[in-house]
Amino acid sequence: MQFHIQDMTCGSCVRHVNEAIAKVDPAATIAADTASRRITVTTTASQQQIEKALRDDGYPATLI
């Protein structure tokens, strides 16, 4: 899954995003690009679970 996260602008943001996703799926693989504000997530969790975790942590995401 690929998401756009408008508010992900720095390394600290990436750390928070990774931590939020890890709460849902500790085995998830996450690749983040702050320049494009996109993440690619390989996970067994559903899109809704990932979106909720990110939203709850203050990083609302849009599936792209």
Protein backbone atom coordinates (compact mmCIF):
# COMPACT_ATOMS: atom_id res chain seq x y z
CA MET A 1 0.00 0.00 0.00
CA GLN A 2 1.11 3.54 -0.71
CA PHE A 3 -0.10 6.53 1.24
CA HIS A 4 0.33 10.28 0.99
CA ILE A 5 0.78 11.97 4.38
CA GLN A 6 0.64 15.74 3.98
CA ASP A 7 2.04 16.44 7.46
CA MET A 8 5.07 14.10 7.20
CA THR A 9 7.86 16.61 6.64
CA CYS A 10 10.87 15.41 8.64
CA GLY A 11 12.69 12.46 10.16
CA SER A 12 10.82 12.84 13.43
CA CYS A 13 7.53 12.57 11.55
CA VAL A 14 8.77 9.39 9.85
CA ARG A 15 9.65 7.93 13.24
CA HIS A 16 6.13 8.67 14.54
CA VAL A 17 4.55 7.16 11.40
CA ASN A 18 6.69 4.02 11.78
CA GLU A 19 5.75 3.70 15.45
CA ALA A 20 2.04 4.12 14.71
CA ILE A 21 2.11 1.41 12.06
CA ALA A 22 4.20 -0.89 14.26
CA LYS A 23 1.44 -0.80 16.89
CA VAL A 24 -0.89 -2.39 14.33
CA ASP A 25 1.67 -4.71 12.68
CA PRO A 26 5.11 -4.99 14.29
CA ALA A 27 6.34 -6.94 11.24
CA ALA A 28 5.33 -4.27 8.72
CA THR A 29 7.94 -2.96 6.30
CA ILE A 30 7.79 0.78 5.76
CA ALA A 31 9.64 2.94 3.24
CA ALA A 32 9.17 6.69 3.68
CA ASP A 33 10.01 9.60 1.40
CA THR A 34 9.63 12.98 3.10
CA ALA A 35 10.22 14.90 -0.15
CA SER A 36 7.08 13.44 -1.74
CA ARG A 37 5.40 12.85 1.65
CA ARG A 38 4.69 9.25 0.71
CA ILE A 39 5.08 5.95 2.48
CA THR A 40 4.97 2.45 1.10
CA VAL A 41 3.78 -0.15 3.59
CA THR A 42 4.02 -3.91 3.27
CA THR A 43 1.77 -5.36 5.93
CA THR A 44 -0.83 -7.96 6.77
CA ALA A 45 -2.99 -5.24 8.37
CA SER A 46 -5.90 -3.77 6.46
CA GLN A 47 -5.88 -0.36 4.82
CA GLN A 48 -8.43 0.81 7.39
CA GLN A 49 -6.26 -0.33 10.31
CA ILE A 50 -3.24 1.54 8.94
CA GLU A 51 -5.24 4.69 8.20
CA LYS A 52 -6.79 4.64 11.69
CA ALA A 53 -3.40 4.18 13.39
CA LEU A 54 -1.93 7.07 11.42
CA ARG A 55 -4.95 9.32 11.99
CA ASP A 56 -4.94 8.53 15.73
CA ASP A 57 -1.26 9.53 15.86
CA GLY A 58 -1.92 12.84 14.11
CA TYR A 59 -0.82 11.84 10.61
CA PRO A 60 -3.94 11.43 8.46
CA ALA A 61 -3.09 9.50 5.30
CA THR A 62 -4.64 9.14 1.87
CA LEU A 63 -4.27 5.91 -0.09
CA ILE A 64 -2.68 6.52 -3.50
